[in-house]
């Protein structure tokens, strides 16, 4: 997915398929974004399909990977680029079998070095560590030390994604520790000046951290 640290954009918990594509387009047109993960909670399969149909073309037409949270079963049928699974979701090996060898597989490893190593062995294309900061979208019980990102990047070729409460104001230690991707929700969608401003602010913060 390219050198340097990049934004990994996760959709808000609830989206309106009619208006959200324009918001997503504005975010992606504002600067570099590596991937978009569609993350829906407690919705029907028809809602998943409607959201995929509305958003996948927005991402893919801009060269941005479009991933689904947990729904490995939908990836091939809908032309998505991959799936992200948590430790309580589908096991990584099963997800890989469903999506095929070419699609992208990401696995949540929280703060566990063992889980990260296992994910790599099970065919993950990236591992996600976190949460590093308190988050508005998920209740965080344990905050992770950014040192795990440094340990991983020095040891492994597999990219790492940092997740959990990341903003333009606090991301520098994660970038410097070697995170390949910063997974963000509120930093973009809740930005007071809109999602485009959120993407610009994050990319500026990443560039400043990499330069510093």
N, C-alpha and C. Protein backbone atom coordinates (compact mmCIF):
# COMPACT_ATOMS: atom_id res chain seq x y z
N UNK A 1 0.82 -1.22 0.00
CA UNK A 1 0.00 0.00 0.00
C UNK A 1 0.86 1.27 0.00
N UNK A 2 2.15 1.13 -0.15
CA UNK A 2 2.98 2.33 -0.28
C UNK A 2 3.79 2.62 0.96
N UNK A 3 4.83 3.44 0.79
CA UNK A 3 5.73 3.75 1.90
C UNK A 3 5.15 4.87 2.76
N UNK A 4 5.70 4.98 3.96
CA UNK A 4 5.24 6.03 4.85
C UNK A 4 3.93 5.66 5.52
N UNK A 5 3.53 6.49 6.48
CA UNK A 5 2.30 6.25 7.22
C UNK A 5 1.12 6.87 6.47
N UNK A 6 0.00 6.13 6.40
CA UNK A 6 -1.15 6.60 5.63
C UNK A 6 -2.44 6.46 6.43
N UNK A 7 -3.44 7.20 6.02
CA UNK A 7 -4.75 7.15 6.68
C UNK A 7 -5.52 5.91 6.26
N UNK A 8 -6.15 5.29 7.25
CA UNK A 8 -7.04 4.14 7.04
C UNK A 8 -8.38 4.58 7.61
N UNK A 9 -9.29 4.89 6.73
CA UNK A 9 -10.53 5.57 7.13
C UNK A 9 -11.65 4.57 7.38
N UNK A 10 -12.23 4.63 8.59
CA UNK A 10 -13.35 3.75 8.95
C UNK A 10 -14.64 4.57 8.95
N UNK A 11 -15.69 3.99 8.41
CA UNK A 11 -16.96 4.73 8.36
C UNK A 11 -17.56 4.86 9.76
N UNK A 12 -18.41 5.87 9.97
CA UNK A 12 -19.10 6.01 11.25
C UNK A 12 -20.05 4.83 11.47
N UNK A 13 -20.48 4.60 12.73
CA UNK A 13 -21.34 3.44 13.03
C UNK A 13 -22.68 3.46 12.27
N UNK A 14 -23.19 4.64 11.97
CA UNK A 14 -24.46 4.72 11.22
C UNK A 14 -24.26 5.68 10.05
N UNK A 15 -24.67 5.24 8.87
CA UNK A 15 -24.52 6.11 7.69
C UNK A 15 -25.82 6.12 6.90
N UNK A 16 -26.00 7.20 6.17
CA UNK A 16 -27.15 7.35 5.28
C UNK A 16 -26.64 7.10 3.85
N UNK A 17 -27.05 5.99 3.22
CA UNK A 17 -26.53 5.67 1.88
C UNK A 17 -26.83 6.75 0.84
N UNK A 18 -27.81 7.61 1.12
CA UNK A 18 -28.14 8.66 0.15
C UNK A 18 -27.14 9.82 0.20
N UNK A 19 -26.77 10.25 1.42
CA UNK A 19 -25.92 11.44 1.55
C UNK A 19 -24.46 11.10 1.83
N UNK A 20 -24.19 9.92 2.37
CA UNK A 20 -22.82 9.64 2.81
C UNK A 20 -21.81 9.52 1.66
N UNK A 21 -22.20 9.01 0.48
CA UNK A 21 -21.21 8.94 -0.60
C UNK A 21 -20.54 10.29 -0.90
N UNK A 22 -21.32 11.37 -0.82
CA UNK A 22 -20.73 12.70 -1.08
C UNK A 22 -19.73 13.08 0.00
N UNK A 23 -20.02 12.71 1.25
CA UNK A 23 -19.10 13.00 2.35
C UNK A 23 -17.82 12.18 2.18
N UNK A 24 -17.98 10.91 1.77
CA UNK A 24 -16.81 10.07 1.55
C UNK A 24 -15.96 10.61 0.40
N UNK A 25 -16.61 11.02 -0.68
CA UNK A 25 -15.89 11.58 -1.82
C UNK A 25 -15.10 12.82 -1.41
N UNK A 26 -15.73 13.68 -0.60
CA UNK A 26 -15.05 14.89 -0.14
C UNK A 26 -13.81 14.54 0.67
N UNK A 27 -13.93 13.51 1.53
CA UNK A 27 -12.78 13.10 2.35
C UNK A 27 -11.66 12.56 1.47
N UNK A 28 -12.01 11.69 0.52
CA UNK A 28 -10.98 11.05 -0.30
C UNK A 28 -10.33 12.02 -1.27
N UNK A 29 -11.08 13.03 -1.70
CA UNK A 29 -10.53 14.01 -2.62
C UNK A 29 -9.62 15.03 -1.93
N UNK A 30 -9.60 14.99 -0.60
CA UNK A 30 -8.85 16.00 0.16
C UNK A 30 -7.39 15.61 0.37
N UNK A 31 -7.04 14.37 0.06
CA UNK A 31 -5.65 13.97 0.28
C UNK A 31 -5.51 12.46 0.34
N UNK A 32 -4.30 12.00 0.59
CA UNK A 32 -3.99 10.58 0.54
C UNK A 32 -4.76 9.79 1.61
N UNK A 33 -5.47 8.76 1.17
CA UNK A 33 -6.12 7.79 2.06
C UNK A 33 -5.84 6.41 1.46
N UNK A 34 -5.34 5.49 2.28
CA UNK A 34 -4.95 4.17 1.77
C UNK A 34 -6.15 3.26 1.58
N UNK A 35 -7.08 3.31 2.54
CA UNK A 35 -8.18 2.36 2.52
C UNK A 35 -9.39 2.93 3.24
N UNK A 36 -10.56 2.42 2.87
CA UNK A 36 -11.81 2.72 3.57
C UNK A 36 -12.38 1.40 4.06
N UNK A 37 -12.72 1.37 5.35
CA UNK A 37 -13.37 0.18 5.91
C UNK A 37 -14.82 0.52 6.24
N UNK A 38 -15.72 -0.24 5.63
CA UNK A 38 -17.15 -0.09 5.93
C UNK A 38 -17.45 -0.88 7.19
N UNK A 39 -17.84 -0.16 8.23
CA UNK A 39 -18.08 -0.79 9.53
C UNK A 39 -19.49 -0.46 9.98
N UNK A 40 -20.37 -1.43 9.88
CA UNK A 40 -21.77 -1.25 10.27
C UNK A 40 -22.08 -2.18 11.42
N UNK A 41 -22.89 -1.72 12.36
CA UNK A 41 -23.25 -2.55 13.50
C UNK A 41 -24.76 -2.76 13.54
N UNK A 42 -25.16 -4.00 13.74
CA UNK A 42 -26.57 -4.34 13.94
C UNK A 42 -27.46 -3.89 12.78
N UNK A 43 -27.03 -4.17 11.57
CA UNK A 43 -27.87 -3.86 10.40
C UNK A 43 -28.10 -5.14 9.60
N UNK A 44 -29.11 -5.12 8.76
CA UNK A 44 -29.47 -6.29 7.96
C UNK A 44 -28.52 -6.44 6.78
N UNK A 45 -28.58 -7.63 6.16
CA UNK A 45 -27.77 -7.85 4.97
C UNK A 45 -28.13 -6.88 3.85
N UNK A 46 -29.41 -6.54 3.76
CA UNK A 46 -29.82 -5.61 2.70
C UNK A 46 -29.22 -4.22 2.95
N UNK A 47 -29.09 -3.83 4.22
CA UNK A 47 -28.44 -2.56 4.54
C UNK A 47 -26.95 -2.60 4.19
N UNK A 48 -26.32 -3.73 4.45
CA UNK A 48 -24.91 -3.89 4.05
C UNK A 48 -24.78 -3.73 2.55
N UNK A 49 -25.65 -4.41 1.80
CA UNK A 49 -25.56 -4.37 0.34
C UNK A 49 -25.78 -2.95 -0.19
N UNK A 50 -26.75 -2.26 0.39
CA UNK A 50 -27.03 -0.88 -0.05
C UNK A 50 -25.83 0.03 0.21
N UNK A 51 -25.21 -0.15 1.39
CA UNK A 51 -24.05 0.69 1.74
C UNK A 51 -22.86 0.37 0.83
N UNK A 52 -22.64 -0.92 0.57
CA UNK A 52 -21.54 -1.32 -0.32
C UNK A 52 -21.76 -0.74 -1.73
N UNK A 53 -22.98 -0.88 -2.23
CA UNK A 53 -23.28 -0.37 -3.58
C UNK A 53 -23.06 1.13 -3.67
N UNK A 54 -23.37 1.83 -2.58
CA UNK A 54 -23.25 3.29 -2.59
C UNK A 54 -21.81 3.76 -2.43
N UNK A 55 -21.01 3.03 -1.66
CA UNK A 55 -19.69 3.55 -1.26
C UNK A 55 -18.51 2.91 -1.98
N UNK A 56 -18.64 1.65 -2.36
CA UNK A 56 -17.49 0.98 -2.99
C UNK A 56 -17.00 1.72 -4.24
N UNK A 57 -17.92 2.14 -5.15
CA UNK A 57 -17.43 2.85 -6.34
C UNK A 57 -16.72 4.16 -6.01
N UNK A 58 -17.15 4.83 -4.94
CA UNK A 58 -16.53 6.11 -4.54
C UNK A 58 -15.06 5.87 -4.19
N UNK A 59 -14.82 4.80 -3.43
CA UNK A 59 -13.43 4.50 -3.03
C UNK A 59 -12.62 3.95 -4.20
N UNK A 60 -13.15 2.91 -4.84
CA UNK A 60 -12.35 2.23 -5.87
C UNK A 60 -12.06 3.10 -7.08
N UNK A 61 -12.97 4.00 -7.42
CA UNK A 61 -12.71 4.88 -8.57
C UNK A 61 -11.57 5.85 -8.29
N UNK A 62 -11.24 6.01 -7.01
CA UNK A 62 -10.13 6.89 -6.62
C UNK A 62 -8.88 6.10 -6.25
N UNK A 63 -8.89 4.80 -6.53
CA UNK A 63 -7.73 3.98 -6.23
C UNK A 63 -7.56 3.67 -4.75
N UNK A 64 -8.65 3.77 -3.99
CA UNK A 64 -8.62 3.51 -2.56
C UNK A 64 -9.25 2.14 -2.28
N UNK A 65 -8.54 1.29 -1.54
CA UNK A 65 -9.05 -0.04 -1.22
C UNK A 65 -10.32 0.07 -0.39
N UNK A 66 -11.29 -0.78 -0.68
CA UNK A 66 -12.58 -0.77 0.04
C UNK A 66 -12.74 -2.11 0.76
N UNK A 67 -12.68 -2.04 2.09
CA UNK A 67 -12.71 -3.24 2.92
C UNK A 67 -14.00 -3.29 3.75
N UNK A 68 -14.41 -4.49 4.09
CA UNK A 68 -15.58 -4.68 4.94
C UNK A 68 -15.15 -5.11 6.33
N UNK A 69 -15.84 -4.63 7.34
CA UNK A 69 -15.58 -5.09 8.69
C UNK A 69 -16.35 -6.39 8.93
N UNK A 70 -15.62 -7.47 9.16
CA UNK A 70 -16.19 -8.74 9.62
C UNK A 70 -16.94 -9.55 8.55
N UNK A 71 -17.40 -8.93 7.46
CA UNK A 71 -18.25 -9.64 6.51
C UNK A 71 -17.44 -10.25 5.37
N UNK A 72 -16.61 -11.21 5.72
CA UNK A 72 -15.81 -11.91 4.71
C UNK A 72 -16.70 -12.59 3.68
N UNK A 73 -17.90 -12.97 4.11
CA UNK A 73 -18.82 -13.67 3.21
C UNK A 73 -19.33 -12.80 2.06
N UNK A 74 -19.21 -11.48 2.21
CA UNK A 74 -19.74 -10.58 1.17
C UNK A 74 -18.67 -10.05 0.21
N UNK A 75 -17.40 -10.25 0.54
CA UNK A 75 -16.32 -9.59 -0.20
C UNK A 75 -16.33 -9.95 -1.68
N UNK A 76 -16.30 -11.25 -1.98
CA UNK A 76 -16.20 -11.67 -3.38
C UNK A 76 -17.45 -11.29 -4.18
N UNK A 77 -18.61 -11.53 -3.58
CA UNK A 77 -19.87 -11.30 -4.30
C UNK A 77 -20.09 -9.84 -4.65
N UNK A 78 -19.52 -8.93 -3.85
CA UNK A 78 -19.78 -7.50 -4.04
C UNK A 78 -18.59 -6.75 -4.65
N UNK A 79 -17.50 -7.47 -4.95
CA UNK A 79 -16.36 -6.82 -5.58
C UNK A 79 -15.56 -5.92 -4.66
N UNK A 80 -15.61 -6.20 -3.34
CA UNK A 80 -14.81 -5.42 -2.40
C UNK A 80 -13.37 -5.91 -2.38
N UNK A 81 -12.50 -5.13 -1.76
CA UNK A 81 -11.07 -5.44 -1.83
C UNK A 81 -10.57 -6.30 -0.69
N UNK A 82 -11.39 -6.49 0.36
CA UNK A 82 -10.92 -7.30 1.47
C UNK A 82 -11.80 -7.15 2.69
N UNK A 83 -11.28 -7.69 3.81
CA UNK A 83 -12.06 -7.72 5.04
C UNK A 83 -11.14 -7.49 6.23
N UNK A 84 -11.72 -6.92 7.29
CA UNK A 84 -11.01 -6.79 8.56
C UNK A 84 -11.77 -7.57 9.61
N UNK A 85 -11.08 -8.45 10.33
CA UNK A 85 -11.74 -9.24 11.37
C UNK A 85 -11.12 -8.96 12.72
N UNK A 86 -11.97 -8.98 13.75
CA UNK A 86 -11.52 -8.83 15.12
C UNK A 86 -11.29 -10.19 15.75
N UNK A 87 -10.84 -10.19 16.99
CA UNK A 87 -10.57 -11.47 17.66
C UNK A 87 -11.87 -12.20 18.01
N UNK A 88 -12.98 -11.49 18.05
CA UNK A 88 -14.26 -12.13 18.36
C UNK A 88 -15.06 -12.45 17.10
N UNK A 89 -14.49 -12.13 15.94
CA UNK A 89 -15.18 -12.38 14.67
C UNK A 89 -14.71 -13.72 14.09
N UNK A 90 -14.85 -13.83 12.81
CA UNK A 90 -14.40 -15.02 12.08
C UNK A 90 -12.89 -15.20 12.24
N UNK A 91 -12.41 -16.43 12.50
CA UNK A 91 -10.96 -16.64 12.55
C UNK A 91 -10.30 -16.25 11.22
N UNK A 92 -9.06 -15.77 11.33
CA UNK A 92 -8.36 -15.26 10.15
C UNK A 92 -8.26 -16.29 9.02
N UNK A 93 -7.98 -17.53 9.36
CA UNK A 93 -7.83 -18.55 8.32
C UNK A 93 -9.14 -18.77 7.55
N UNK A 94 -10.26 -18.76 8.29
CA UNK A 94 -11.55 -18.92 7.64
C UNK A 94 -11.87 -17.71 6.76
N UNK A 95 -11.54 -16.53 7.26
CA UNK A 95 -11.77 -15.32 6.47
C UNK A 95 -10.97 -15.38 5.18
N UNK A 96 -9.71 -15.80 5.28
CA UNK A 96 -8.86 -15.90 4.08
C UNK A 96 -9.46 -16.89 3.08
N UNK A 97 -9.97 -18.00 3.57
CA UNK A 97 -10.57 -19.00 2.68
C UNK A 97 -11.78 -18.41 1.94
N UNK A 98 -12.54 -17.57 2.62
CA UNK A 98 -13.74 -16.99 2.01
C UNK A 98 -13.41 -15.91 0.98
N UNK A 99 -12.39 -15.11 1.26
CA UNK A 99 -12.13 -13.96 0.38
C UNK A 99 -11.15 -14.28 -0.75
N UNK A 100 -10.45 -15.41 -0.63
CA UNK A 100 -9.51 -15.79 -1.67
C UNK A 100 -8.12 -15.23 -1.42
N UNK A 101 -7.13 -15.67 -2.20
CA UNK A 101 -5.73 -15.32 -1.94
C UNK A 101 -5.35 -13.88 -2.26
N UNK A 102 -6.10 -13.25 -3.16
CA UNK A 102 -5.70 -11.92 -3.63
C UNK A 102 -6.23 -10.78 -2.77
N UNK A 103 -7.35 -11.00 -2.09
CA UNK A 103 -7.99 -9.92 -1.33
C UNK A 103 -7.19 -9.60 -0.07
N UNK A 104 -7.44 -8.42 0.47
CA UNK A 104 -6.72 -7.95 1.66
C UNK A 104 -7.40 -8.45 2.93
N UNK A 105 -6.58 -8.97 3.86
CA UNK A 105 -7.10 -9.44 5.15
C UNK A 105 -6.38 -8.70 6.27
N UNK A 106 -7.16 -8.03 7.12
CA UNK A 106 -6.60 -7.37 8.29
C UNK A 106 -7.16 -8.01 9.55
N UNK A 107 -6.33 -8.05 10.60
CA UNK A 107 -6.72 -8.71 11.84
C UNK A 107 -6.41 -7.83 13.03
N UNK A 108 -7.41 -7.65 13.91
CA UNK A 108 -7.22 -6.91 15.15
C UNK A 108 -6.43 -7.76 16.14
N UNK A 109 -5.36 -7.18 16.68
CA UNK A 109 -4.51 -7.91 17.64
C UNK A 109 -4.42 -7.20 18.99
N UNK A 110 -5.15 -6.08 19.12
CA UNK A 110 -5.18 -5.29 20.36
C UNK A 110 -3.75 -4.97 20.79
N UNK A 111 -3.30 -5.50 21.93
CA UNK A 111 -1.92 -5.23 22.35
C UNK A 111 -1.10 -6.48 22.46
N UNK A 112 -1.50 -7.52 21.74
CA UNK A 112 -0.88 -8.84 21.89
C UNK A 112 0.13 -9.15 20.79
N UNK A 113 1.36 -9.35 21.20
CA UNK A 113 2.39 -9.74 20.24
C UNK A 113 2.12 -11.15 19.71
N UNK A 114 1.63 -12.02 20.57
CA UNK A 114 1.33 -13.40 20.15
C UNK A 114 0.23 -13.43 19.10
N UNK A 115 -0.84 -12.65 19.34
CA UNK A 115 -1.94 -12.61 18.38
C UNK A 115 -1.46 -12.06 17.04
N UNK A 116 -0.58 -11.08 17.09
CA UNK A 116 -0.06 -10.48 15.85
C UNK A 116 0.76 -11.50 15.06
N UNK A 117 1.61 -12.24 15.77
CA UNK A 117 2.41 -13.26 15.09
C UNK A 117 1.51 -14.34 14.48
N UNK A 118 0.48 -14.74 15.24
CA UNK A 118 -0.45 -15.76 14.73
C UNK A 118 -1.19 -15.24 13.50
N UNK A 119 -1.60 -13.96 13.55
CA UNK A 119 -2.32 -13.38 12.42
C UNK A 119 -1.46 -13.42 11.16
N UNK A 120 -0.19 -13.10 11.31
CA UNK A 120 0.72 -13.15 10.18
C UNK A 120 0.81 -14.56 9.60
N UNK A 121 0.90 -15.55 10.50
CA UNK A 121 0.98 -16.95 10.05
C UNK A 121 -0.32 -17.39 9.38
N UNK A 122 -1.44 -16.79 9.80
CA UNK A 122 -2.75 -17.18 9.26
C UNK A 122 -3.10 -16.45 7.97
N UNK A 123 -2.18 -15.64 7.46
CA UNK A 123 -2.39 -15.03 6.16
C UNK A 123 -2.84 -13.58 6.17
N UNK A 124 -2.70 -12.89 7.32
CA UNK A 124 -3.09 -11.48 7.36
C UNK A 124 -2.16 -10.65 6.48
N UNK A 125 -2.73 -9.58 5.87
CA UNK A 125 -1.93 -8.63 5.09
C UNK A 125 -1.50 -7.43 5.93
N UNK A 126 -2.19 -7.21 7.04
CA UNK A 126 -1.76 -6.21 8.02
C UNK A 126 -2.36 -6.60 9.36
N UNK A 127 -1.73 -6.12 10.44
CA UNK A 127 -2.24 -6.35 11.79
C UNK A 127 -2.57 -5.00 12.41
N UNK A 128 -3.63 -4.97 13.20
CA UNK A 128 -4.07 -3.73 13.84
C UNK A 128 -3.82 -3.80 15.34
N UNK A 129 -3.14 -2.80 15.87
CA UNK A 129 -2.89 -2.69 17.30
C UNK A 129 -3.67 -1.51 17.87
N UNK A 130 -4.12 -1.65 19.11
CA UNK A 130 -4.80 -0.55 19.77
C UNK A 130 -5.73 -1.09 20.86
N UNK A 131 -6.38 -0.22 21.57
CA UNK A 131 -6.47 1.21 21.32
C UNK A 131 -5.32 1.95 22.01
N UNK A 132 -4.86 3.00 21.36
CA UNK A 132 -3.78 3.80 21.92
C UNK A 132 -4.29 4.99 22.72
N UNK A 133 -5.50 5.43 22.42
CA UNK A 133 -6.12 6.56 23.11
C UNK A 133 -7.59 6.24 23.37
N UNK A 134 -8.20 6.92 24.33
CA UNK A 134 -9.65 6.74 24.53
C UNK A 134 -10.41 7.07 23.25
N UNK A 135 -11.47 6.32 22.98
CA UNK A 135 -12.20 6.47 21.72
C UNK A 135 -13.66 6.77 21.98
N UNK A 136 -14.24 7.55 21.07
CA UNK A 136 -15.66 7.86 21.18
C UNK A 136 -16.51 6.75 20.56
N UNK A 137 -15.92 5.93 19.70
CA UNK A 137 -16.72 4.92 18.99
C UNK A 137 -16.73 3.57 19.69
N UNK A 138 -15.75 3.33 20.56
CA UNK A 138 -15.70 2.05 21.27
C UNK A 138 -15.28 2.30 22.70
N UNK A 139 -15.85 1.52 23.61
CA UNK A 139 -15.42 1.61 25.00
C UNK A 139 -14.06 0.94 25.12
N UNK A 140 -13.08 1.70 25.61
CA UNK A 140 -11.71 1.19 25.69
C UNK A 140 -11.39 0.85 27.13
N UNK A 141 -10.99 -0.39 27.36
CA UNK A 141 -10.67 -0.80 28.72
C UNK A 141 -9.18 -0.70 29.00
N UNK A 142 -8.36 -1.00 27.99
CA UNK A 142 -6.92 -0.97 28.18
C UNK A 142 -6.27 -0.17 27.06
N UNK A 143 -5.42 0.79 27.43
CA UNK A 143 -4.69 1.55 26.42
C UNK A 143 -3.32 0.91 26.20
N UNK A 144 -2.91 0.87 24.92
CA UNK A 144 -1.70 0.17 24.52
C UNK A 144 -0.53 1.14 24.41
N UNK A 145 0.66 0.67 24.75
CA UNK A 145 1.88 1.47 24.61
C UNK A 145 2.31 1.45 23.14
N UNK A 146 2.59 2.64 22.56
CA UNK A 146 3.03 2.68 21.15
C UNK A 146 4.30 1.87 20.87
N UNK A 147 5.00 1.48 21.92
CA UNK A 147 6.24 0.71 21.73
C UNK A 147 5.99 -0.57 20.94
N UNK A 148 4.77 -1.12 21.01
CA UNK A 148 4.48 -2.36 20.28
C UNK A 148 4.61 -2.14 18.76
N UNK A 149 4.31 -0.91 18.32
CA UNK A 149 4.45 -0.58 16.89
C UNK A 149 5.91 -0.59 16.48
N UNK A 150 6.75 -0.06 17.37
CA UNK A 150 8.19 -0.03 17.06
C UNK A 150 8.75 -1.45 17.02
N UNK A 151 8.35 -2.24 18.01
CA UNK A 151 8.81 -3.64 18.06
C UNK A 151 8.40 -4.38 16.78
N UNK A 152 7.15 -4.20 16.38
CA UNK A 152 6.64 -4.91 15.20
C UNK A 152 7.36 -4.45 13.93
N UNK A 153 7.51 -3.16 13.75
CA UNK A 153 8.08 -2.64 12.49
C UNK A 153 9.55 -3.02 12.35
N UNK A 154 10.24 -3.18 13.48
CA UNK A 154 11.65 -3.58 13.41
C UNK A 154 11.80 -5.07 13.13
N UNK A 155 10.77 -5.84 13.52
CA UNK A 155 10.86 -7.29 13.43
C UNK A 155 10.23 -7.86 12.16
N UNK A 156 9.13 -7.23 11.72
CA UNK A 156 8.29 -7.83 10.69
C UNK A 156 8.14 -6.93 9.46
N UNK A 157 7.97 -7.58 8.30
CA UNK A 157 7.69 -6.85 7.07
C UNK A 157 6.21 -6.47 6.97
N UNK A 158 5.36 -7.25 7.63
CA UNK A 158 3.91 -7.06 7.54
C UNK A 158 3.52 -5.70 8.11
N UNK A 159 2.70 -4.92 7.38
CA UNK A 159 2.32 -3.59 7.86
C UNK A 159 1.48 -3.65 9.14
N UNK A 160 1.58 -2.56 9.90
CA UNK A 160 0.77 -2.44 11.12
C UNK A 160 -0.17 -1.24 10.98
N UNK A 161 -1.32 -1.38 11.61
CA UNK A 161 -2.32 -0.31 11.63
C UNK A 161 -2.59 0.03 13.09
N UNK A 162 -2.48 1.31 13.43
CA UNK A 162 -2.80 1.77 14.78
C UNK A 162 -4.25 2.22 14.82
N UNK A 163 -4.93 1.90 15.91
CA UNK A 163 -6.36 2.22 16.00
C UNK A 163 -6.71 2.69 17.40
N UNK A 164 -7.74 3.52 17.50
CA UNK A 164 -8.27 3.89 18.80
C UNK A 164 -8.03 5.33 19.20
N UNK A 165 -9.01 6.19 18.95
CA UNK A 165 -8.96 7.57 19.43
C UNK A 165 -7.89 8.43 18.79
N UNK A 166 -7.44 8.06 17.60
CA UNK A 166 -6.32 8.78 16.96
C UNK A 166 -6.82 10.06 16.30
N UNK A 167 -6.10 11.15 16.54
CA UNK A 167 -6.42 12.45 15.95
C UNK A 167 -5.14 13.08 15.39
N UNK A 168 -5.32 14.19 14.67
CA UNK A 168 -4.15 14.91 14.17
C UNK A 168 -3.27 15.40 15.32
N UNK A 169 -3.91 15.69 16.46
CA UNK A 169 -3.17 16.24 17.60
C UNK A 169 -2.33 15.21 18.34
N UNK A 170 -2.74 13.93 18.29
CA UNK A 170 -2.03 12.94 19.12
C UNK A 170 -1.31 11.85 18.33
N UNK A 171 -1.34 11.91 17.00
CA UNK A 171 -0.84 10.77 16.20
C UNK A 171 0.67 10.70 16.07
N UNK A 172 1.39 11.78 16.37
CA UNK A 172 2.84 11.80 16.11
C UNK A 172 3.61 10.64 16.72
N UNK A 173 3.37 10.27 18.01
CA UNK A 173 4.13 9.15 18.58
C UNK A 173 3.89 7.83 17.84
N UNK A 174 2.69 7.65 17.29
CA UNK A 174 2.37 6.41 16.57
C UNK A 174 3.09 6.38 15.22
N UNK A 175 3.13 7.53 14.56
CA UNK A 175 3.83 7.64 13.28
C UNK A 175 5.32 7.37 13.49
N UNK A 176 5.88 8.00 14.51
CA UNK A 176 7.31 7.84 14.77
C UNK A 176 7.65 6.43 15.22
N UNK A 177 6.70 5.74 15.85
CA UNK A 177 6.94 4.37 16.32
C UNK A 177 6.89 3.37 15.17
N UNK A 178 6.41 3.80 14.00
CA UNK A 178 6.46 2.92 12.84
C UNK A 178 5.13 2.41 12.33
N UNK A 179 4.02 2.99 12.78
CA UNK A 179 2.71 2.56 12.25
C UNK A 179 2.67 2.82 10.74
N UNK A 180 2.19 1.85 9.99
CA UNK A 180 2.03 2.03 8.54
C UNK A 180 0.71 2.72 8.20
N UNK A 181 -0.30 2.46 9.05
CA UNK A 181 -1.63 3.05 8.84
C UNK A 181 -2.17 3.57 10.16
N UNK A 182 -2.92 4.66 10.08
CA UNK A 182 -3.64 5.19 11.23
C UNK A 182 -5.13 5.03 10.95
N UNK A 183 -5.80 4.18 11.71
CA UNK A 183 -7.24 3.99 11.54
C UNK A 183 -7.98 5.09 12.29
N UNK A 184 -8.83 5.80 11.58
CA UNK A 184 -9.53 6.94 12.20
C UNK A 184 -11.01 6.92 11.85
N UNK A 185 -11.80 7.44 12.77
CA UNK A 185 -13.23 7.62 12.56
C UNK A 185 -13.56 9.08 12.84
N UNK A 186 -13.61 9.42 14.13
CA UNK A 186 -14.01 10.77 14.54
C UNK A 186 -13.12 11.89 14.03
N UNK A 187 -11.80 11.58 13.88
CA UNK A 187 -10.86 12.62 13.44
C UNK A 187 -11.24 13.18 12.07
N UNK A 188 -11.95 12.37 11.29
CA UNK A 188 -12.41 12.83 9.96
C UNK A 188 -13.89 13.20 9.99
N UNK A 189 -14.72 12.26 10.41
CA UNK A 189 -16.18 12.47 10.30
C UNK A 189 -16.72 13.50 11.29
N UNK A 190 -16.03 13.68 12.41
CA UNK A 190 -16.50 14.65 13.41
C UNK A 190 -15.69 15.94 13.38
N UNK A 191 -14.84 16.10 12.39
CA UNK A 191 -14.04 17.33 12.31
C UNK A 191 -14.97 18.53 12.15
N UNK A 192 -14.75 19.58 12.94
CA UNK A 192 -15.67 20.73 12.91
C UNK A 192 -15.80 21.39 11.54
N UNK A 193 -14.76 21.28 10.71
CA UNK A 193 -14.81 21.89 9.38
C UNK A 193 -15.13 20.89 8.28
N UNK A 194 -15.56 19.68 8.67
CA UNK A 194 -15.96 18.68 7.68
C UNK A 194 -14.89 17.64 7.42
N UNK A 195 -15.28 16.55 6.74
CA UNK A 195 -14.35 15.44 6.53
C UNK A 195 -13.12 15.78 5.69
N UNK A 196 -13.26 16.66 4.72
CA UNK A 196 -12.10 17.02 3.90
C UNK A 196 -11.03 17.69 4.77
N UNK A 197 -11.47 18.58 5.65
CA UNK A 197 -10.53 19.25 6.57
C UNK A 197 -9.90 18.24 7.51
N UNK A 198 -10.67 17.22 7.90
CA UNK A 198 -10.13 16.18 8.78
C UNK A 198 -9.01 15.40 8.12
N UNK A 199 -9.20 15.05 6.84
CA UNK A 199 -8.16 14.33 6.10
C UNK A 199 -6.92 15.21 5.91
N UNK A 200 -7.14 16.46 5.57
CA UNK A 200 -5.99 17.37 5.38
C UNK A 200 -5.19 17.53 6.67
N UNK A 201 -5.89 17.69 7.79
CA UNK A 201 -5.22 17.87 9.08
C UNK A 201 -4.41 16.64 9.46
N UNK A 202 -4.98 15.46 9.23
CA UNK A 202 -4.26 14.22 9.56
C UNK A 202 -3.03 14.04 8.69
N UNK A 203 -3.18 14.26 7.38
CA UNK A 203 -2.02 14.10 6.50
C UNK A 203 -0.93 15.11 6.83
N UNK A 204 -1.32 16.31 7.21
CA UNK A 204 -0.32 17.31 7.61
C UNK A 204 0.39 16.88 8.89
N UNK A 205 -0.36 16.30 9.83
CA UNK A 205 0.23 15.84 11.08
C UNK A 205 1.18 14.66 10.84
N UNK A 206 0.78 13.76 9.94
CA UNK A 206 1.65 12.61 9.60
C UNK A 206 2.94 13.11 8.98
N UNK A 207 2.83 14.04 8.03
CA UNK A 207 4.02 14.58 7.36
C UNK A 207 4.95 15.27 8.35
N UNK A 208 4.37 16.01 9.28
CA UNK A 208 5.18 16.72 10.29
C UNK A 208 5.90 15.73 11.20
N UNK A 209 5.19 14.66 11.58
CA UNK A 209 5.80 13.66 12.45
C UNK A 209 6.93 12.91 11.74
N UNK A 210 6.72 12.61 10.45
CA UNK A 210 7.75 11.90 9.68
C UNK A 210 8.96 12.79 9.44
N UNK A 211 8.72 14.08 9.30
CA UNK A 211 9.83 15.02 9.07
C UNK A 211 10.59 15.28 10.36
N UNK A 212 9.85 15.21 11.49
CA UNK A 212 10.47 15.57 12.78
C UNK A 212 11.25 14.43 13.37
